[in-house]
C-alpha atoms as a PDB file:
ATOM      1  CA  MET A   1      89.988  59.428 177.500  1.00  0.00           C
ATOM      2  CA  ASP A   2      87.445  56.795 179.150  1.00  0.00           C
ATOM      3  CA  ARG A   3      87.312  53.521 177.176  1.00  0.00           C
ATOM      4  CA  PRO A   4      83.759  53.192 175.467  1.00  0.00           C
ATOM      5  CA  SER A   5      81.620  50.851 177.336  1.00  0.00           C
ATOM      6  CA  SER A   6      79.943  47.921 175.946  1.00  0.00           C
ATOM      7  CA  SER A   7      76.616  49.755 176.631  1.00  0.00           C
ATOM      8  CA  GLU A   8      77.349  52.401 174.101  1.00  0.00           C
ATOM      9  CA  VAL A   9      77.834  49.746 171.430  1.00  0.00           C
ATOM     10  CA  LEU A  10      74.735  47.928 172.489  1.00  0.00           C
ATOM     11  CA  HIS A  11      72.548  51.033 172.561  1.00  0.00           C
ATOM     12  CA  LEU A  12      73.809  51.787 168.948  1.00  0.00           C
ATOM     13  CA  ALA A  13      73.007  48.364 167.695  1.00  0.00           C
ATOM     14  CA  GLY A  14      69.799  48.472 169.410  1.00  0.00           C
ATOM     15  CA  HIS A  15      68.418  51.080 166.832  1.00  0.00           C
ATOM     16  CA  GLN A  16      70.045  49.083 164.047  1.00  0.00           C
ATOM     17  CA  TYR A  17      68.814  45.530 164.238  1.00  0.00           C
ATOM     18  CA  GLY A  18      71.408  44.307 166.482  1.00  0.00           C
ATOM     19  CA  MET A  19      74.424  45.786 164.098  1.00  0.00           C
ATOM     20  CA  VAL A  20      77.021  48.366 164.066  1.00  0.00           C
ATOM     21  CA  THR A  21      79.557  49.271 161.212  1.00  0.00           C
ATOM     22  CA  ARG A  22      83.259  49.697 161.555  1.00  0.00           C
ATOM     23  CA  THR A  23      83.048  53.540 161.070  1.00  0.00           C
ATOM     24  CA  GLN A  24      80.528  53.847 163.612  1.00  0.00           C
ATOM     25  CA  LEU A  25      82.818  51.848 166.235  1.00  0.00           C
ATOM     26  CA  LEU A  26      85.722  54.130 165.105  1.00  0.00           C
ATOM     27  CA  ASP A  27      83.528  57.073 165.926  1.00  0.00           C
ATOM     28  CA  LEU A  28      83.069  55.862 169.423  1.00  0.00           C
ATOM     29  CA  ASP A  29      86.743  55.849 169.685  1.00  0.00           C
ATOM     30  CA  ILE A  30      87.119  51.972 169.584  1.00  0.00           C
ATOM     31  CA  SER A  31      90.396  51.566 167.892  1.00  0.00           C
ATOM     32  CA  GLY A  32      90.883  49.158 164.843  1.00  0.00           C
ATOM     33  CA  ARG A  33      92.937  46.608 166.923  1.00  0.00           C
ATOM     34  CA  MET A  34      90.178  46.469 169.694  1.00  0.00           C
ATOM     35  CA  ILE A  35      87.701  45.733 166.973  1.00  0.00           C
ATOM     36  CA  ASP A  36      89.578  43.130 165.696  1.00  0.00           C
ATOM     37  CA  VAL A  37      90.014  41.785 169.121  1.00  0.00           C
ATOM     38  CA  ARG A  38      86.213  41.875 169.512  1.00  0.00           C
ATOM     39  CA  ILE A  39      85.875  39.885 166.104  1.00  0.00           C
ATOM     40  CA  ALA A  40      88.184  37.257 167.132  1.00  0.00           C
ATOM     41  CA  ASN A  41      86.437  36.783 170.465  1.00  0.00           C
ATOM     42  CA  GLY A  42      82.961  36.503 168.954  1.00  0.00           C
ATOM     43  CA  ARG A  43      81.563  39.712 170.255  1.00  0.00           C
ATOM     44  CA  LEU A  44      81.359  41.112 166.740  1.00  0.00           C
ATOM     45  CA  LEU A  45      80.269  38.815 163.872  1.00  0.00           C
ATOM     46  CA  PRO A  46      80.852  40.076 160.476  1.00  0.00           C
ATOM     47  CA  ALA A  47      77.881  40.006 158.215  1.00  0.00           C
ATOM     48  CA  GLY A  48      79.684  39.702 154.887  1.00  0.00           C
ATOM     49  CA  ASP A  49      83.035  39.904 153.246  1.00  0.00           C
ATOM     50  CA  ARG A  50      84.817  43.111 154.209  1.00  0.00           C
ATOM     51  CA  LEU A  51      81.612  44.870 154.337  1.00  0.00           C
ATOM     52  CA  GLY A  52      82.507  46.557 157.848  1.00  0.00           C
ATOM     53  CA  VAL A  53      79.068  45.551 159.145  1.00  0.00           C
ATOM     54  CA  TYR A  54      78.970  43.299 162.386  1.00  0.00           C
ATOM     55  CA  ALA A  55      76.048  41.729 164.456  1.00  0.00           C
ATOM     56  CA  VAL A  56      76.693  42.375 168.117  1.00  0.00           C
ATOM     57  CA  GLY A  57      76.641  39.020 170.108  1.00  0.00           C
ATOM     58  CA  ARG A  58      74.318  36.995 167.632  1.00  0.00           C
ATOM     59  CA  PRO A  59      73.737  36.625 163.861  1.00  0.00           C
ATOM     60  CA  ILE A  60      70.927  38.821 162.545  1.00  0.00           C
ATOM     61  CA  GLU A  61      67.903  37.330 160.797  1.00  0.00           C
ATOM     62  CA  GLY A  62      64.672  38.443 159.116  1.00  0.00           C
ATOM     63  CA  ARG A  63      63.963  40.511 156.005  1.00  0.00           C
ATOM     64  CA  ARG A  64      64.106  43.697 157.915  1.00  0.00           C
ATOM     65  CA  ALA A  65      67.223  43.183 159.513  1.00  0.00           C
ATOM     66  CA  MET A  66      68.590  42.181 155.971  1.00  0.00           C
ATOM     67  CA  CYS A  67      67.431  45.412 154.702  1.00  0.00           C
ATOM     68  CA  MET A  68      69.166  47.455 157.389  1.00  0.00           C
ATOM     69  CA  ALA A  69      72.359  45.618 156.996  1.00  0.00           C
ATOM     70  CA  ALA A  70      72.357  46.351 153.300  1.00  0.00           C
ATOM     71  CA  THR A  71      72.188  50.182 153.800  1.00  0.00           C
ATOM     72  CA  LEU A  72      74.694  50.028 156.426  1.00  0.00           C
ATOM     73  CA  ALA A  73      76.984  48.350 154.224  1.00  0.00           C
ATOM     74  CA  THR A  74      76.518  50.822 151.480  1.00  0.00           C
ATOM     75  CA  GLY A  75      77.274  53.857 153.571  1.00  0.00           C
ATOM     76  CA  GLU A  76      75.413  57.224 154.666  1.00  0.00           C
ATOM     77  CA  GLY A  77      72.516  58.332 152.759  1.00  0.00           C
ATOM     78  CA  SER A  78      71.890  55.054 151.265  1.00  0.00           C
ATOM     79  CA  VAL A  79      68.226  53.818 150.929  1.00  0.00           C
ATOM     80  CA  VAL A  80      66.303  50.536 150.218  1.00  0.00           C
ATOM     81  CA  ALA A  81      64.749  50.870 146.766  1.00  0.00           C
ATOM     82  CA  GLY A  82      62.825  49.183 144.222  1.00  0.00           C
ATOM     83  CA  ARG A  83      60.954  45.869 144.830  1.00  0.00           C
ATOM     84  CA  ALA A  84      62.626  45.647 148.462  1.00  0.00           C
ATOM     85  CA  ALA A  85      61.465  49.035 149.222  1.00  0.00           C
ATOM     86  CA  ALA A  86      57.806  48.321 147.938  1.00  0.00           C
ATOM     87  CA  ASP A  87      57.825  45.067 150.320  1.00  0.00           C
ATOM     88  CA  LEU A  88      58.966  47.257 153.072  1.00  0.00           C
ATOM     89  CA  TRP A  89      56.077  49.840 152.546  1.00  0.00           C
ATOM     90  CA  GLY A  90      53.526  46.724 152.095  1.00  0.00           C
ATOM     91  CA  LEU A  91      52.939  47.391 148.760  1.00  0.00           C
ATOM     92  CA  LEU A  92      53.827  43.959 147.271  1.00  0.00           C
ATOM     93  CA  ASP A  93      55.382  40.773 148.527  1.00  0.00           C
ATOM     94  CA  HIS A  94      59.166  40.563 147.552  1.00  0.00           C
ATOM     95  CA  LYS A  95      61.746  38.439 149.474  1.00  0.00           C
ATOM     96  CA  GLY A  96      64.477  38.423 146.719  1.00  0.00           C
ATOM     97  CA  VAL A  97      67.429  40.688 145.931  1.00  0.00           C
ATOM     98  CA  ILE A  98      67.629  43.772 148.085  1.00  0.00           C
ATOM     99  CA  ASP A  99      68.101  46.996 145.818  1.00  0.00           C
ATOM    100  CA  VAL A 100      69.895  50.099 147.377  1.00  0.00           C
ATOM    101  CA  VAL A 101      70.480  53.277 145.897  1.00  0.00           C
ATOM    102  CA  ARG A 102      73.140  55.775 147.215  1.00  0.00           C
ATOM    103  CA  PRO A 103      72.945  59.773 146.666  1.00  0.00           C
ATOM    104  CA  VAL A 104      75.984  59.657 144.538  1.00  0.00           C
ATOM    105  CA  GLY A 105      77.056  58.522 141.002  1.00  0.00           C
ATOM    106  CA  GLN A 106      78.639  55.092 140.873  1.00  0.00           C
ATOM    107  CA  LYS A 107      78.846  51.869 138.867  1.00  0.00           C
ATOM    108  CA  ARG A 108      76.512  49.059 139.886  1.00  0.00           C
ATOM    109  CA  ARG A 109      77.745  46.674 142.196  1.00  0.00           C
ATOM    110  CA  GLU A 110      76.605  43.725 144.168  1.00  0.00           C
ATOM    111  CA  PHE A 111      77.450  41.927 147.396  1.00  0.00           C
ATOM    112  CA  TRP A 112      76.092  39.138 149.640  1.00  0.00           C
ATOM    113  CA  LEU A 113      75.218  39.375 153.200  1.00  0.00           C
ATOM    114  CA  GLU A 114      76.220  36.099 154.843  1.00  0.00           C
ATOM    115  CA  GLY A 115      78.998  34.693 157.170  1.00  0.00           C
ATOM    116  CA  PRO A 116      78.884  34.115 161.066  1.00  0.00           C
ATOM    117  CA  GLY A 117      76.665  37.391 161.328  1.00  0.00           C
ATOM    118  CA  VAL A 118      73.748  36.486 159.459  1.00  0.00           C
ATOM    119  CA  LYS A 119      71.564  33.558 159.434  1.00  0.00           C
ATOM    120  CA  GLY A 120      71.228  32.484 156.013  1.00  0.00           C
ATOM    121  CA  ARG A 121      72.360  34.553 152.932  1.00  0.00           C
ATOM    122  CA  GLN A 122      71.069  37.475 151.044  1.00  0.00           C
ATOM    123  CA  ARG A 123      72.273  39.175 147.698  1.00  0.00           C
ATOM    124  CA  ALA A 124      71.908  43.012 147.474  1.00  0.00           C
ATOM    125  CA  VAL A 125      72.597  45.073 144.313  1.00  0.00           C
ATOM    126  CA  VAL A 126      73.745  48.800 145.005  1.00  0.00           C
ATOM    127  CA  ARG A 127      73.470  51.696 142.375  1.00  0.00           C
ATOM    128  CA  GLY A 128      73.964  55.476 142.338  1.00  0.00           C
ATOM    129  CA  SER A 129      71.722  58.179 141.727  1.00  0.00           C
ATOM    130  CA  ARG A 130      72.616  61.743 140.989  1.00  0.00           C
ATOM    131  CA  HIS A 131      69.094  62.850 142.038  1.00  0.00           C
ATOM    132  CA  LEU A 132      68.238  61.410 145.610  1.00  0.00           C
ATOM    133  CA  PRO A 133      67.750  64.574 147.620  1.00  0.00           C
ATOM    134  CA  LYS A 134      66.838  64.279 151.478  1.00  0.00           C
ATOM    135  CA  VAL A 135      63.435  64.961 150.587  1.00  0.00           C
ATOM    136  CA  ASP A 136      63.107  61.655 148.733  1.00  0.00           C
ATOM    137  CA  ARG A 137      64.851  59.590 151.712  1.00  0.00           C
ATOM    138  CA  THR A 138      62.879  58.436 154.797  1.00  0.00           C
ATOM    139  CA  ARG A 139      62.475  55.674 157.303  1.00  0.00           C
ATOM    140  CA  ARG A 140      60.200  52.698 157.435  1.00  0.00           C
ATOM    141  CA  HIS A 141      60.503  50.440 160.417  1.00  0.00           C
ATOM    142  CA  GLY A 142      63.495  52.409 161.332  1.00  0.00           C
ATOM    143  CA  ILE A 143      65.156  51.337 157.775  1.00  0.00           C
ATOM    144  CA  PRO A 144      66.451  53.939 155.476  1.00  0.00           C
ATOM    145  CA  VAL A 145      64.243  53.622 152.521  1.00  0.00           C
ATOM    146  CA  MET A 146      63.231  55.775 149.652  1.00  0.00           C
ATOM    147  CA  ASN A 147      59.975  58.011 149.685  1.00  0.00           C
ATOM    148  CA  VAL A 148      56.616  56.428 148.339  1.00  0.00           C
ATOM    149  CA  ALA A 149      56.291  59.017 145.634  1.00  0.00           C
ATOM    150  CA  ARG A 150      59.840  58.856 144.343  1.00  0.00           C
ATOM    151  CA  LEU A 151      59.818  55.107 144.677  1.00  0.00           C
ATOM    152  CA  PHE A 152      57.110  54.916 141.910  1.00  0.00           C
ATOM    153  CA  VAL A 153      59.283  56.598 139.625  1.00  0.00           C
ATOM    154  CA  ASP A 154      61.581  53.312 139.982  1.00  0.00           C
ATOM    155  CA  LEU A 155      59.071  50.999 140.107  1.00  0.00           C
ATOM    156  CA  SER A 156      57.420  52.165 136.822  1.00  0.00           C
ATOM    157  CA  ALA A 157      60.757  51.019 135.107  1.00  0.00           C
ATOM    158  CA  ILE A 158      60.552  47.450 136.388  1.00  0.00           C
ATOM    159  CA  LEU A 159      57.019  46.173 137.379  1.00  0.00           C
ATOM    160  CA  PRO A 160      54.430  44.987 134.975  1.00  0.00           C
ATOM    161  CA  ASP A 161      51.450  46.920 134.283  1.00  0.00           C
ATOM    162  CA  ARG A 162      49.101  45.104 136.912  1.00  0.00           C
ATOM    163  CA  ALA A 163      51.483  44.851 139.614  1.00  0.00           C
ATOM    164  CA  LEU A 164      52.395  48.478 139.248  1.00  0.00           C
ATOM    165  CA  SER A 165      48.772  49.712 139.276  1.00  0.00           C
ATOM    166  CA  ASN A 166      47.862  47.358 142.400  1.00  0.00           C
ATOM    167  CA  ALA A 167      50.986  48.786 144.179  1.00  0.00           C
ATOM    168  CA  PHE A 168      49.816  52.456 143.532  1.00  0.00           C
ATOM    169  CA  LYS A 169      46.246  51.710 144.738  1.00  0.00           C
ATOM    170  CA  GLN A 170      47.655  50.063 147.719  1.00  0.00           C
ATOM    171  CA  ALA A 171      49.835  53.144 148.601  1.00  0.00           C
ATOM    172  CA  ASP A 172      46.892  55.527 147.948  1.00  0.00           C
ATOM    173  CA  MET A 173      44.626  53.696 150.441  1.00  0.00           C
ATOM    174  CA  GLN A 174      47.154  53.440 152.960  1.00  0.00           C
ATOM    175  CA  GLY A 175      47.540  57.093 152.809  1.00  0.00           C
ATOM    176  CA  PHE A 176      51.032  57.071 151.612  1.00  0.00           C
ATOM    177  CA  LEU A 177      50.616  59.454 148.536  1.00  0.00           C
ATOM    178  CA  ASN A 178      51.204  63.033 149.125  1.00  0.00           C
ATOM    179  CA  GLU A 179      50.070  65.253 146.393  1.00  0.00           C
ATOM    180  CA  SER A 180      52.729  67.752 146.411  1.00  0.00           C
ATOM    181  CA  ASP A 181      55.428  64.864 146.367  1.00  0.00           C
ATOM    182  CA  LEU A 182      53.794  62.940 143.457  1.00  0.00           C
ATOM    183  CA  LEU A 183      53.626  66.190 141.257  1.00  0.00           C
ATOM    184  CA  ARG A 184      57.265  66.928 142.175  1.00  0.00           C
ATOM    185  CA  CYS A 185      58.533  63.478 141.263  1.00  0.00           C
ATOM    186  CA  GLU A 186      56.325  63.398 138.233  1.00  0.00           C
ATOM    187  CA  SER A 187      58.599  66.224 136.776  1.00  0.00           C
ATOM    188  CA  LEU A 188      61.792  64.061 137.465  1.00  0.00           C
ATOM    189  CA  GLY A 189      63.776  62.229 135.279  1.00  0.00           C
ATOM    190  CA  LYS A 190      63.367  63.578 131.848  1.00  0.00           C
ATOM    191  CA  GLY A 191      64.556  60.447 129.792  1.00  0.00           C
ATOM    192  CA  TRP A 192      64.702  57.949 132.531  1.00  0.00           C
ATOM    193  CA  LYS A 193      63.067  54.796 131.897  1.00  0.00           C
ATOM    194  CA  GLY A 194      59.627  54.291 133.238  1.00  0.00           C
ATOM    195  CA  THR A 195      58.935  58.175 133.880  1.00  0.00           C
ATOM    196  CA  GLU A 196      56.089  58.186 131.163  1.00  0.00           C
ATOM    197  CA  ARG A 197      54.274  55.137 133.057  1.00  0.00           C
ATOM    198  CA  ASN A 198      54.712  57.109 136.304  1.00  0.00           C
ATOM    199  CA  ARG A 199      53.202  60.217 134.955  1.00  0.00           C
ATOM    200  CA  ALA A 200      50.212  58.257 133.693  1.00  0.00           C
ATOM    201  CA  LEU A 201      49.842  56.744 137.232  1.00  0.00           C
ATOM    202  CA  VAL A 202      49.750  60.177 138.674  1.00  0.00           C
ATOM    203  CA  ARG A 203      47.482  61.758 136.319  1.00  0.00           C
ATOM    204  CA  ARG A 204      44.999  58.831 136.390  1.00  0.00           C
ATOM    205  CA  ARG A 205      44.844  58.867 140.249  1.00  0.00           C
ATOM    206  CA  HIS A 206      41.160  59.171 141.413  1.00  0.00           C
ATOM    207  CA  PRO A 207      40.770  61.090 144.669  1.00  0.00           C
ATOM    208  CA  ASP A 208      38.032  58.621 145.842  1.00  0.00           C
ATOM    209  CA  THR A 209      40.707  55.643 146.054  1.00  0.00           C
ATOM    210  CA  LYS A 210      41.832  57.039 149.307  1.00  0.00           C
ATOM    211  CA  ASP A 211      38.390  56.219 150.683  1.00  0.00           C
ATOM    212  CA  ALA A 212      38.372  52.792 149.282  1.00  0.00           C
ATOM    213  CA  ARG A 213      39.008  50.208 152.292  1.00  0.00           C
ATOM    214  CA  THR A 214      40.237  47.168 150.087  1.00  0.00           C
ATOM    215  CA  LEU A 215      42.033  46.625 146.696  1.00  0.00           C
ATOM    216  CA  ILE A 216      38.931  45.382 145.025  1.00  0.00           C
ATOM    217  CA  GLU A 217      37.049  48.724 146.083  1.00  0.00           C
ATOM    218  CA  ALA A 218      40.008  50.696 144.488  1.00  0.00           C
ATOM    219  CA  LEU A 219      39.443  48.680 141.271  1.00  0.00           C
ATOM    220  CA  MET A 220      35.786  49.643 141.384  1.00  0.00           C
ATOM    221  CA  VAL A 221      36.828  53.245 141.622  1.00  0.00           C
ATOM    222  CA  GLU A 222      39.057  52.710 138.568  1.00  0.00           C
ATOM    223  CA  ILE A 223      36.241  50.966 136.457  1.00  0.00           C
ATOM    224  CA  ASN A 224      33.836  54.072 137.469  1.00  0.00           C
ATOM    225  CA  ARG A 225      36.457  56.243 136.138  1.00  0.00           C
ATOM    226  CA  ASP A 226      37.362  54.277 132.890  1.00  0.00           C
ATOM    227  CA  PHE A 227      33.740  53.408 131.785  1.00  0.00           C
ATOM    228  CA  ASP A 228      32.414  56.885 132.591  1.00  0.00           C
ATOM    229  CA  LEU A 229      29.667  55.637 134.982  1.00  0.00           C
ATOM    230  CA  GLY A 230      29.172  58.649 136.971  1.00  0.00           C
ATOM    231  CA  ASN A 231      30.390  59.652 140.191  1.00  0.00           C
ATOM    232  CA  PRO A 232      29.369  57.333 143.249  1.00  0.00           C
ATOM    233  CA  VAL A 233      30.384  58.464 146.900  1.00  0.00           C
ATOM    234  CA  VAL A 234      32.358  55.844 148.321  1.00  0.00           C
ATOM    235  CA  ASN A 235      31.890  54.172 151.945  1.00  0.00           C
ATOM    236  CA  LYS A 236      29.592  57.231 153.109  1.00  0.00           C
ATOM    237  CA  PRO A 237      27.683  56.643 155.963  1.00  0.00           C
ATOM    238  CA  MET A 238      24.290  55.220 155.567  1.00  0.00           C
ATOM    239  CA  GLY A 239      22.395  54.778 158.915  1.00  0.00           C
ATOM    240  CA  ARG A 240      24.888  52.198 160.816  1.00  0.00           C
ATOM    241  CA  TYR A 241      26.157  50.952 157.647  1.00  0.00           C
ATOM    242  CA  TYR A 242      29.003  52.213 155.157  1.00  0.00           C
ATOM    243  CA  PRO A 243      27.976  50.873 151.816  1.00  0.00           C
ATOM    244  CA  ASP A 244      30.747  50.709 149.106  1.00  0.00           C
ATOM    245  CA  PHE A 245      29.378  52.639 146.224  1.00  0.00           C
ATOM    246  CA  PHE A 246      26.287  54.813 146.179  1.00  0.00           C
ATOM    247  CA  TYR A 247      25.101  56.712 143.091  1.00  0.00           C
ATOM    248  CA  GLU A 248      23.139  59.434 144.566  1.00  0.00           C
ATOM    249  CA  ASP A 249      21.633  60.956 141.170  1.00  0.00           C
ATOM    250  CA  CYS A 250      19.782  57.537 140.595  1.00  0.00           C
ATOM    251  CA  GLY A 251      19.533  55.692 144.187  1.00  0.00           C
ATOM    252  CA  LEU A 252      21.651  52.778 142.836  1.00  0.00           C
ATOM    253  CA  LEU A 253      23.767  51.050 145.692  1.00  0.00           C
ATOM    254  CA  VAL A 254      26.813  48.737 144.551  1.00  0.00           C
ATOM    255  CA  GLU A 255      28.374  46.530 147.050  1.00  0.00           C
ATOM    256  CA  VAL A 256      31.756  44.384 146.402  1.00  0.00           C
ATOM    257  CA  ASP A 257      32.673  41.162 148.014  1.00  0.00           C
ATOM    258  CA  GLY A 258      36.379  41.064 148.905  1.00  0.00           C
ATOM    259  CA  ALA A 259      37.867  37.798 150.497  1.00  0.00           C
ATOM    260  CA  GLU A 260      39.314  39.872 153.341  1.00  0.00           C
ATOM    261  CA  THR A 261      35.807  40.851 154.772  1.00  0.00           C
ATOM    262  CA  HIS A 262      33.136  38.001 153.338  1.00  0.00           C
ATOM    263  CA  THR A 263      34.076  34.849 154.331  1.00  0.00           C
ATOM    264  CA  GLY A 264      32.263  31.899 155.768  1.00  0.00           C
ATOM    265  CA  ARG A 265      28.507  31.426 157.086  1.00  0.00           C
ATOM    266  CA  LEU A 266      28.214  34.160 159.657  1.00  0.00           C
ATOM    267  CA  ALA A 267      29.653  36.652 157.092  1.00  0.00           C
ATOM    268  CA  PHE A 268      26.956  35.610 154.527  1.00  0.00           C
ATOM    269  CA  LEU A 269      24.267  36.247 157.284  1.00  0.00           C
ATOM    270  CA  ASP A 270      25.755  39.623 157.971  1.00  0.00           C
ATOM    271  CA  ASP A 271      25.872  40.511 154.338  1.00  0.00           C
ATOM    272  CA  SER A 272      22.321  39.334 153.687  1.00  0.00           C
ATOM    273  CA  TYR A 273      20.822  41.450 156.718  1.00  0.00           C
ATOM    274  CA  ARG A 274      22.932  44.572 155.650  1.00  0.00           C
ATOM    275  CA  GLU A 275      21.591  44.097 152.244  1.00  0.00           C
ATOM    276  CA  ASN A 276      17.898  43.728 153.153  1.00  0.00           C
ATOM    277  CA  GLU A 277      18.234  46.834 155.300  1.00  0.00           C
ATOM    278  CA  LEU A 278      19.865  48.964 152.654  1.00  0.00           C
ATOM    279  CA  ARG A 279      17.200  47.899 149.983  1.00  0.00           C
ATOM    280  CA  GLN A 280      14.506  49.947 152.271  1.00  0.00           C
ATOM    281  CA  ARG A 281      16.927  53.061 151.664  1.00  0.00           C
ATOM    282  CA  VAL A 282      17.833  52.766 148.012  1.00  0.00           C
ATOM    283  CA  ARG A 283      16.290  51.881 144.628  1.00  0.00           C
ATOM    284  CA  GLN A 284      18.382  49.086 143.740  1.00  0.00           C
ATOM    285  CA  VAL A 285      21.228  47.183 145.359  1.00  0.00           C
ATOM    286  CA  ILE A 286      23.744  44.966 143.024  1.00  0.00           C
ATOM    287  CA  ARG A 287      26.789  43.053 144.348  1.00  0.00           C
ATOM    288  CA  PHE A 288      29.883  41.860 142.433  1.00  0.00           C
ATOM    289  CA  SER A 289      32.329  39.285 143.742  1.00  0.00           C
ATOM    290  CA  SER A 290      36.125  40.137 143.601  1.00  0.00           C
ATOM    291  CA  GLU A 291      36.640  37.828 140.769  1.00  0.00           C
ATOM    292  CA  GLU A 292      33.965  39.514 138.717  1.00  0.00           C
ATOM    293  CA  ILE A 293      35.706  42.909 139.274  1.00  0.00           C
ATOM    294  CA  ILE A 294      39.173  41.658 138.443  1.00  0.00           C
ATOM    295  CA  GLU A 295      38.421  39.503 135.475  1.00  0.00           C
ATOM    296  CA  ASP A 296      35.518  40.746 133.666  1.00  0.00           C
ATOM    297  CA  PRO A 297      35.697  44.743 134.348  1.00  0.00           C
ATOM    298  CA  GLU A 298      33.648  45.410 131.055  1.00  0.00           C
ATOM    299  CA  ARG A 299      30.638  43.192 132.210  1.00  0.00           C
ATOM    300  CA  VAL A 300      30.653  44.778 135.555  1.00  0.00           C
ATOM    301  CA  ALA A 301      30.540  48.278 134.006  1.00  0.00           C
ATOM    302  CA  ARG A 302      27.947  47.019 131.495  1.00  0.00           C
ATOM    303  CA  ILE A 303      25.481  45.752 134.313  1.00  0.00           C
ATOM    304  CA  ILE A 304      26.017  49.097 136.284  1.00  0.00           C
ATOM    305  CA  LYS A 305      25.048  51.263 133.234  1.00  0.00           C
ATOM    306  CA  MET A 306      21.969  49.019 132.467  1.00  0.00           C
ATOM    307  CA  GLU A 307      20.797  49.129 136.371  1.00  0.00           C
ATOM    308  CA  ARG A 308      21.520  52.882 136.591  1.00  0.00           C
ATOM    309  CA  GLU A 309      19.058  53.183 133.415  1.00  0.00           C
ATOM    310  CA  LYS A 310      16.583  51.159 135.280  1.00  0.00           C
ATOM    311  CA  CYS A 311      16.894  53.521 138.488  1.00  0.00           C
ATOM    312  CA  PHE A 312      16.518  56.643 136.438  1.00  0.00           C
ATOM    313  CA  THR A 313      13.266  55.386 134.755  1.00  0.00           C
ATOM    314  CA  LEU A 314      12.047  54.479 138.243  1.00  0.00           C
ATOM    315  CA  LYS A 315      13.018  57.709 139.789  1.00  0.00           C
ATOM    316  CA  ALA A 316      10.937  59.516 136.939  1.00  0.00           C
ATOM    317  CA  HIS A 317       8.060  57.264 137.397  1.00  0.00           C
ATOM    318  CA  GLU A 318       8.351  58.244 141.139  1.00  0.00           C
ATOM    319  CA  ALA A 319       8.159  61.944 140.175  1.00  0.00           C
ATOM    320  CA  GLN A 320       5.123  61.378 138.195  1.00  0.00           C
ATOM    321  CA  THR A 321       3.199  59.516 140.603  1.00  0.00           C
ATOM    322  CA  GLY A 322       4.212  61.345 143.703  1.00  0.00           C
ATOM    323  CA  THR A 323       5.863  58.198 145.330  1.00  0.00           C
ATOM    324  CA  GLY A 324       9.618  57.861 146.366  1.00  0.00           C
ATOM    325  CA  ALA A 325      12.231  55.848 147.470  1.00  0.00           C
END
């Protein structure tokens, strides 16, 4: 039998952020003695103490490589979970411990990614789950990670209310939430910690959230629902513009200012021109800052209710006089 070439090892490592495992090398018919020789001459760099994970040629670095290393060290079927998974999905920022779940029951354990194969040092924690079917396992940036719908069952047990709600909105806006997966995961884990909070998230989900372009707009969707303000259309084209929220029943248009898109002098001029054009098409335009929406949603709701009443009054007057907006 031909001896496996270095190119086979490099090809494998190229799909795993520069790493291979001892098991994978043995599957390539590289003997344990040859693995030890490669470790001794620096061609394989251990990524931890007796983890069986090696960086090929040079140490790994960066968050994604650390997450990949954690799953490689934990075995087949393992996925990144918890806050670390939410970070990979772009739902929140987390650079702390890497949580890994295996699809078998086992006691919680932890290990460190460290040594010659790693730049820096990273702690990882592993736990088992008797319910982690293939449908709940996927990949993000090539890294095994928990499916988003299943992930929120876990996050509901550990995140504070606001962080959990914001992460859920981000997932919805980015198109990561699948209705059938949400309903399937909603029924999981009777007695699991956090399941009631997860069910509440799923049941409160507003279909218009997916049309919101920023987190601030998603918060406005929530305010409309919580204070029963009506059913505005979200980002519906109006001429060459896509106004944020338009109440078609009364002609009120609500714009929101997020720091992502409304910054600086030119942005102010663009917003002013846009608002003046839109005023010619609707009965009233009002604008809220991101701070108002986040810090005082009750006041925002109160103002919208008041302006809606004014618009309905104006609409009735137009009907009587034969004028129109």
